[in-house]
Amino acid sequence: MKILTTRFGEVEVEDNQIVTMPEGVIGFSEYKRYALLDHSPESPFKWFQSVEVPDLAFAVIDPFPFVPDYKVDLKKSDLAFLDAEDPSDTLILVFVSIKRETSSVTANLLGPLVINLRNFNGKQVVLSDSPYSSSYDILQHDSVSSPENA
C-alpha cells in the first residue's frame, strides 16, 4: 500500500504494518489508521503517520531506554480491547513533543500508545494515579537527540 506523507513523500508500507486505532489518538479520534515509520536508521525516534491525512504524524519513541523502570499496568479491559492475551504481546511507545523555541523534547509518559504486535490493533491508554509526567524531559539523557538533529 502506498501512503502520501508530508514529511517523507509517498511511502510504501505493507498492509499488515498498518496500526488500527479504533478510538483514534486523543484529540484526533476521527483518524483510525496509522503507519509506524522510522525517522532514520540511527535515530530512536519514529513517526506515527496517519494513513488518512498526509500532514498528520506524531513523533514517538520507545520509553524504556530513558526510563528503564517505566511501567504501564494494562487493565484486562485494555488487553481485551487490543485482543492481546498478555502485556508481552504489546509494543509500548510514547508521544514526543518538540518545542523548537526552547529546544526541549518531552515525552508523554501518562498517555502511552500500546500496540498489539500480532494484529496491529492499537490504543492510547491514560495512566491514572501514576508517578509519571506528561512532559518528561528526554534530552536529559545523553543517548537521545531530537529528531530535528538526528
Foldseek 3Di string as FASTA:
>chain_A
DWAAAPVPGIDDDDPQQKAFECQDAVVPRVQGIWGWACLDPLAQWIWGAGRVDRHDIFIKGQCCVQVVPQDDDDDPVNCVQQVHPDLVQKGKIWTWDADPVVRFIFTQSQFIWIARNPRNYIYTDGDPPDPDHGGHTRVVDVVHDDSVVD
